[in-house]
Amino acid sequence: EYYKFPGYLAPSSNLKFVDVPNGLKAISVVPAQGWVQWIALCGLYEFVVNEPVKPEEPGNYGKGWLGITGKSVEDQAKRTRGLNSEIANGRLAMMAIIGMFFQD
């Protein structure tokens, strides 16, 4: 833990950011309304902002590298390597979070 935001996470519950523990224990401390807001924000982004460019090609939202350039990678070999790297990194992240759950 390196930094926690100052102020209140839930002012109505008098819950400060510093009062929220790390790891899985935070799930039970954060109020249900906070989780609903987070899920609503993710859903809004998923259904409104991320419109697929080609529905037959899953995951292609036409936003380019890191969503910055706004155009797809045109070199097919480079694009395939990037997509395979993304899948491998996603698998590594899943194993890492399982390790963190086990540690907690």
N, C-alpha and C. Protein backbone atom coordinates (compact mmCIF):
# COMPACT_ATOMS: atom_id res chain seq x y z
N GLU A 1 0.86 -1.18 0.00
CA GLU A 1 0.00 0.00 0.00
C GLU A 1 0.89 1.23 0.00
N TYR A 2 0.72 2.05 -1.00
CA TYR A 2 1.57 3.22 -1.13
C TYR A 2 0.81 4.52 -0.89
N TYR A 3 -0.46 4.54 -1.26
CA TYR A 3 -1.20 5.79 -1.17
C TYR A 3 -2.69 5.49 -1.03
N LYS A 4 -3.36 6.29 -0.24
CA LYS A 4 -4.82 6.25 -0.15
C LYS A 4 -5.33 7.67 -0.32
N PHE A 5 -6.42 7.80 -1.03
CA PHE A 5 -7.00 9.11 -1.27
C PHE A 5 -7.44 9.75 0.04
N PRO A 6 -7.28 11.05 0.16
CA PRO A 6 -7.80 11.73 1.35
C PRO A 6 -9.32 11.89 1.22
N GLY A 7 -9.98 12.07 2.32
CA GLY A 7 -11.41 12.35 2.30
C GLY A 7 -12.26 11.12 2.49
N TYR A 8 -13.53 11.28 2.12
CA TYR A 8 -14.54 10.25 2.38
C TYR A 8 -14.85 9.43 1.13
N LEU A 9 -14.96 8.14 1.32
CA LEU A 9 -15.45 7.25 0.27
C LEU A 9 -16.96 7.28 0.25
N ALA A 10 -17.58 7.25 1.42
CA ALA A 10 -19.04 7.30 1.56
C ALA A 10 -19.36 8.25 2.71
N PRO A 11 -19.59 9.54 2.39
CA PRO A 11 -19.84 10.51 3.45
C PRO A 11 -21.07 10.18 4.29
N SER A 12 -22.11 9.59 3.69
CA SER A 12 -23.31 9.27 4.44
C SER A 12 -23.06 8.17 5.49
N SER A 13 -22.07 7.33 5.23
CA SER A 13 -21.72 6.27 6.18
C SER A 13 -20.52 6.64 7.04
N ASN A 14 -20.00 7.85 6.84
CA ASN A 14 -18.82 8.33 7.56
C ASN A 14 -17.63 7.38 7.33
N LEU A 15 -17.51 6.89 6.09
CA LEU A 15 -16.45 5.95 5.71
C LEU A 15 -15.37 6.69 4.94
N LYS A 16 -14.17 6.70 5.48
CA LYS A 16 -13.04 7.35 4.81
C LYS A 16 -12.26 6.32 4.00
N PHE A 17 -11.51 6.79 3.01
CA PHE A 17 -10.68 5.91 2.21
C PHE A 17 -9.66 5.16 3.07
N VAL A 18 -9.12 5.82 4.08
CA VAL A 18 -8.11 5.18 4.93
C VAL A 18 -8.71 4.06 5.78
N ASP A 19 -10.03 4.04 5.94
CA ASP A 19 -10.69 3.00 6.73
C ASP A 19 -10.92 1.71 5.94
N VAL A 20 -10.73 1.76 4.63
CA VAL A 20 -10.99 0.59 3.79
C VAL A 20 -9.72 -0.27 3.76
N PRO A 21 -9.82 -1.54 4.17
CA PRO A 21 -8.64 -2.41 4.17
C PRO A 21 -8.27 -2.84 2.75
N ASN A 22 -7.11 -3.40 2.62
CA ASN A 22 -6.66 -3.92 1.33
C ASN A 22 -7.23 -5.32 1.10
N GLY A 23 -7.21 -5.73 -0.16
CA GLY A 23 -7.59 -7.10 -0.50
C GLY A 23 -9.08 -7.36 -0.46
N LEU A 24 -9.41 -8.61 -0.24
CA LEU A 24 -10.81 -9.04 -0.27
C LEU A 24 -11.63 -8.48 0.87
N LYS A 25 -10.99 -8.05 1.94
CA LYS A 25 -11.72 -7.48 3.07
C LYS A 25 -12.44 -6.19 2.69
N ALA A 26 -11.97 -5.53 1.65
CA ALA A 26 -12.59 -4.28 1.21
C ALA A 26 -14.00 -4.51 0.67
N ILE A 27 -14.27 -5.70 0.16
CA ILE A 27 -15.58 -5.99 -0.42
C ILE A 27 -16.69 -5.82 0.61
N SER A 28 -16.43 -6.27 1.83
CA SER A 28 -17.46 -6.18 2.86
C SER A 28 -17.56 -4.80 3.49
N VAL A 29 -16.55 -3.96 3.31
CA VAL A 29 -16.55 -2.63 3.94
C VAL A 29 -17.23 -1.59 3.06
N VAL A 30 -17.04 -1.68 1.75
CA VAL A 30 -17.63 -0.71 0.83
C VAL A 30 -19.13 -0.92 0.77
N PRO A 31 -19.92 0.15 0.89
CA PRO A 31 -21.39 0.01 0.85
C PRO A 31 -21.88 -0.53 -0.50
N ALA A 32 -23.02 -1.17 -0.48
CA ALA A 32 -23.59 -1.75 -1.70
C ALA A 32 -23.83 -0.70 -2.77
N GLN A 33 -24.21 0.51 -2.37
CA GLN A 33 -24.43 1.58 -3.35
C GLN A 33 -23.15 1.90 -4.12
N GLY A 34 -22.01 1.77 -3.47
CA GLY A 34 -20.74 2.00 -4.15
C GLY A 34 -20.47 0.96 -5.21
N TRP A 35 -20.77 -0.30 -4.90
CA TRP A 35 -20.59 -1.36 -5.89
C TRP A 35 -21.56 -1.20 -7.05
N VAL A 36 -22.79 -0.78 -6.76
CA VAL A 36 -23.78 -0.56 -7.82
C VAL A 36 -23.32 0.57 -8.75
N GLN A 37 -22.77 1.63 -8.17
CA GLN A 37 -22.27 2.73 -8.99
C GLN A 37 -21.13 2.27 -9.89
N TRP A 38 -20.24 1.47 -9.34
CA TRP A 38 -19.10 0.98 -10.12
C TRP A 38 -19.57 0.09 -11.27
N ILE A 39 -20.50 -0.81 -11.01
CA ILE A 39 -21.03 -1.69 -12.05
C ILE A 39 -21.78 -0.88 -13.11
N ALA A 40 -22.52 0.14 -12.68
CA ALA A 40 -23.25 0.99 -13.63
C ALA A 40 -22.28 1.75 -14.53
N LEU A 41 -21.19 2.26 -13.97
CA LEU A 41 -20.20 2.98 -14.76
C LEU A 41 -19.56 2.05 -15.79
N CYS A 42 -19.18 0.85 -15.36
CA CYS A 42 -18.58 -0.11 -16.29
C CYS A 42 -19.57 -0.51 -17.38
N GLY A 43 -20.84 -0.71 -17.00
CA GLY A 43 -21.86 -1.05 -17.99
C GLY A 43 -22.10 0.07 -18.99
N LEU A 44 -22.13 1.31 -18.50
CA LEU A 44 -22.29 2.46 -19.39
C LEU A 44 -21.15 2.52 -20.40
N TYR A 45 -19.94 2.35 -19.91
CA TYR A 45 -18.78 2.38 -20.81
C TYR A 45 -18.86 1.26 -21.83
N GLU A 46 -19.24 0.08 -21.38
CA GLU A 46 -19.27 -1.09 -22.25
C GLU A 46 -20.34 -0.95 -23.34
N PHE A 47 -21.51 -0.41 -22.99
CA PHE A 47 -22.61 -0.35 -23.95
C PHE A 47 -22.70 0.95 -24.73
N VAL A 48 -22.11 2.03 -24.22
CA VAL A 48 -22.24 3.32 -24.90
C VAL A 48 -20.94 3.73 -25.59
N VAL A 49 -19.83 3.64 -24.90
CA VAL A 49 -18.56 4.10 -25.45
C VAL A 49 -17.94 3.07 -26.38
N ASN A 50 -17.95 1.82 -26.00
CA ASN A 50 -17.32 0.76 -26.79
C ASN A 50 -18.29 0.18 -27.79
N GLU A 51 -18.40 0.81 -28.91
CA GLU A 51 -19.21 0.29 -30.01
C GLU A 51 -18.30 -0.45 -30.97
N PRO A 52 -18.55 -1.75 -31.22
CA PRO A 52 -17.67 -2.51 -32.11
C PRO A 52 -17.69 -1.96 -33.53
N VAL A 53 -16.50 -1.90 -34.13
CA VAL A 53 -16.38 -1.44 -35.52
C VAL A 53 -16.83 -2.55 -36.45
N LYS A 54 -16.34 -3.75 -36.17
CA LYS A 54 -16.71 -4.93 -36.97
C LYS A 54 -17.28 -5.97 -36.02
N PRO A 55 -18.60 -6.15 -35.98
CA PRO A 55 -19.20 -7.12 -35.06
C PRO A 55 -18.70 -8.55 -35.26
N GLU A 56 -18.27 -8.89 -36.48
CA GLU A 56 -17.78 -10.25 -36.73
C GLU A 56 -16.36 -10.45 -36.19
N GLU A 57 -15.72 -9.38 -35.75
CA GLU A 57 -14.36 -9.46 -35.19
C GLU A 57 -14.40 -9.01 -33.73
N PRO A 58 -14.55 -9.94 -32.79
CA PRO A 58 -14.70 -9.57 -31.38
C PRO A 58 -13.50 -8.78 -30.86
N GLY A 59 -13.79 -7.76 -30.07
CA GLY A 59 -12.74 -6.97 -29.44
C GLY A 59 -12.19 -5.84 -30.27
N ASN A 60 -12.63 -5.69 -31.52
CA ASN A 60 -12.13 -4.60 -32.36
C ASN A 60 -13.07 -3.41 -32.23
N TYR A 61 -12.64 -2.44 -31.46
CA TYR A 61 -13.45 -1.24 -31.25
C TYR A 61 -12.93 -0.06 -32.06
N GLY A 62 -11.93 -0.30 -32.89
CA GLY A 62 -11.43 0.74 -33.79
C GLY A 62 -10.76 1.90 -33.08
N LYS A 63 -10.20 1.67 -31.92
CA LYS A 63 -9.58 2.76 -31.16
C LYS A 63 -8.06 2.76 -31.27
N GLY A 64 -7.47 1.74 -31.87
CA GLY A 64 -6.02 1.71 -32.06
C GLY A 64 -5.27 1.36 -30.80
N TRP A 65 -3.97 1.67 -30.81
CA TRP A 65 -3.11 1.35 -29.68
C TRP A 65 -3.53 2.13 -28.44
N LEU A 66 -3.85 1.43 -27.38
CA LEU A 66 -4.23 2.00 -26.09
C LEU A 66 -5.42 2.96 -26.19
N GLY A 67 -6.17 2.89 -27.27
CA GLY A 67 -7.32 3.77 -27.43
C GLY A 67 -6.95 5.20 -27.74
N ILE A 68 -5.70 5.44 -28.15
CA ILE A 68 -5.23 6.80 -28.35
C ILE A 68 -5.24 7.20 -29.82
N THR A 69 -4.72 6.32 -30.68
CA THR A 69 -4.51 6.71 -32.08
C THR A 69 -5.81 6.79 -32.88
N GLY A 70 -6.78 5.99 -32.54
CA GLY A 70 -8.06 6.05 -33.22
C GLY A 70 -8.12 5.27 -34.52
N LYS A 71 -7.04 4.56 -34.88
CA LYS A 71 -7.11 3.73 -36.07
C LYS A 71 -6.49 2.37 -35.78
N SER A 72 -6.99 1.35 -36.42
CA SER A 72 -6.53 -0.02 -36.18
C SER A 72 -5.12 -0.21 -36.73
N VAL A 73 -4.45 -1.23 -36.21
CA VAL A 73 -3.12 -1.59 -36.70
C VAL A 73 -3.29 -2.23 -38.06
N GLU A 74 -2.63 -1.68 -39.06
CA GLU A 74 -2.84 -2.15 -40.43
C GLU A 74 -1.97 -3.34 -40.79
N ASP A 75 -0.78 -3.46 -40.21
CA ASP A 75 0.10 -4.59 -40.48
C ASP A 75 -0.46 -5.82 -39.77
N GLN A 76 -0.89 -6.81 -40.54
CA GLN A 76 -1.58 -7.98 -39.98
C GLN A 76 -0.68 -8.78 -39.04
N ALA A 77 0.61 -8.93 -39.37
CA ALA A 77 1.52 -9.69 -38.50
C ALA A 77 1.71 -8.97 -37.16
N LYS A 78 1.86 -7.67 -37.22
CA LYS A 78 2.02 -6.88 -35.99
C LYS A 78 0.74 -6.92 -35.16
N ARG A 79 -0.39 -6.88 -35.82
CA ARG A 79 -1.67 -6.92 -35.12
C ARG A 79 -1.88 -8.28 -34.45
N THR A 80 -1.56 -9.36 -35.15
CA THR A 80 -1.69 -10.70 -34.58
C THR A 80 -0.78 -10.87 -33.38
N ARG A 81 0.46 -10.39 -33.49
CA ARG A 81 1.40 -10.48 -32.37
C ARG A 81 0.88 -9.69 -31.18
N GLY A 82 0.34 -8.51 -31.43
CA GLY A 82 -0.21 -7.68 -30.35
C GLY A 82 -1.40 -8.34 -29.67
N LEU A 83 -2.29 -8.94 -30.46
CA LEU A 83 -3.45 -9.62 -29.89
C LEU A 83 -3.04 -10.84 -29.08
N ASN A 84 -2.06 -11.61 -29.58
CA ASN A 84 -1.57 -12.77 -28.82
C ASN A 84 -0.89 -12.34 -27.53
N SER A 85 -0.15 -11.23 -27.57
CA SER A 85 0.48 -10.71 -26.36
C SER A 85 -0.57 -10.28 -25.35
N GLU A 86 -1.64 -9.68 -25.84
CA GLU A 86 -2.72 -9.24 -24.95
C GLU A 86 -3.39 -10.44 -24.27
N ILE A 87 -3.60 -11.51 -25.01
CA ILE A 87 -4.19 -12.71 -24.43
C ILE A 87 -3.25 -13.30 -23.38
N ALA A 88 -1.96 -13.38 -23.69
CA ALA A 88 -0.99 -13.94 -22.74
C ALA A 88 -0.92 -13.08 -21.48
N ASN A 89 -0.91 -11.77 -21.62
CA ASN A 89 -0.88 -10.89 -20.46
C ASN A 89 -2.15 -11.00 -19.63
N GLY A 90 -3.28 -11.20 -20.28
CA GLY A 90 -4.53 -11.38 -19.56
C GLY A 90 -4.51 -12.66 -18.74
N ARG A 91 -3.95 -13.71 -19.30
CA ARG A 91 -3.84 -14.98 -18.56
C ARG A 91 -2.90 -14.82 -17.38
N LEU A 92 -1.80 -14.11 -17.58
CA LEU A 92 -0.86 -13.87 -16.49
C LEU A 92 -1.52 -13.05 -15.38
N ALA A 93 -2.32 -12.05 -15.76
CA ALA A 93 -3.01 -11.23 -14.77
C ALA A 93 -4.03 -12.06 -13.98
N MET A 94 -4.70 -12.99 -14.64
CA MET A 94 -5.64 -13.86 -13.92
C MET A 94 -4.92 -14.73 -12.90
N MET A 95 -3.77 -15.27 -13.27
CA MET A 95 -3.00 -16.08 -12.32
C MET A 95 -2.50 -15.21 -11.16
N ALA A 96 -2.11 -13.98 -11.45
CA ALA A 96 -1.62 -13.09 -10.40
C ALA A 96 -2.72 -12.75 -9.40
N ILE A 97 -3.92 -12.48 -9.88
CA ILE A 97 -5.00 -12.13 -8.97
C ILE A 97 -5.41 -13.34 -8.13
N ILE A 98 -5.35 -14.54 -8.70
CA ILE A 98 -5.63 -15.75 -7.93
C ILE A 98 -4.58 -15.91 -6.83
N GLY A 99 -3.33 -15.62 -7.14
CA GLY A 99 -2.27 -15.67 -6.14
C GLY A 99 -2.50 -14.65 -5.03
N MET A 100 -2.99 -13.46 -5.39
CA MET A 100 -3.29 -12.44 -4.39
C MET A 100 -4.46 -12.88 -3.52
N PHE A 101 -5.47 -13.52 -4.10
CA PHE A 101 -6.58 -14.02 -3.31
C PHE A 101 -6.08 -15.08 -2.32
N PHE A 102 -5.21 -15.94 -2.78
CA PHE A 102 -4.68 -16.99 -1.92
C PHE A 102 -3.86 -16.40 -0.79
N GLN A 103 -3.09 -15.37 -1.10
CA GLN A 103 -2.24 -14.72 -0.10
C GLN A 103 -3.09 -14.01 0.96
N ASP A 104 -4.21 -13.45 0.52
CA ASP A 104 -5.07 -12.68 1.41
C ASP A 104 -5.77 -13.62 2.36
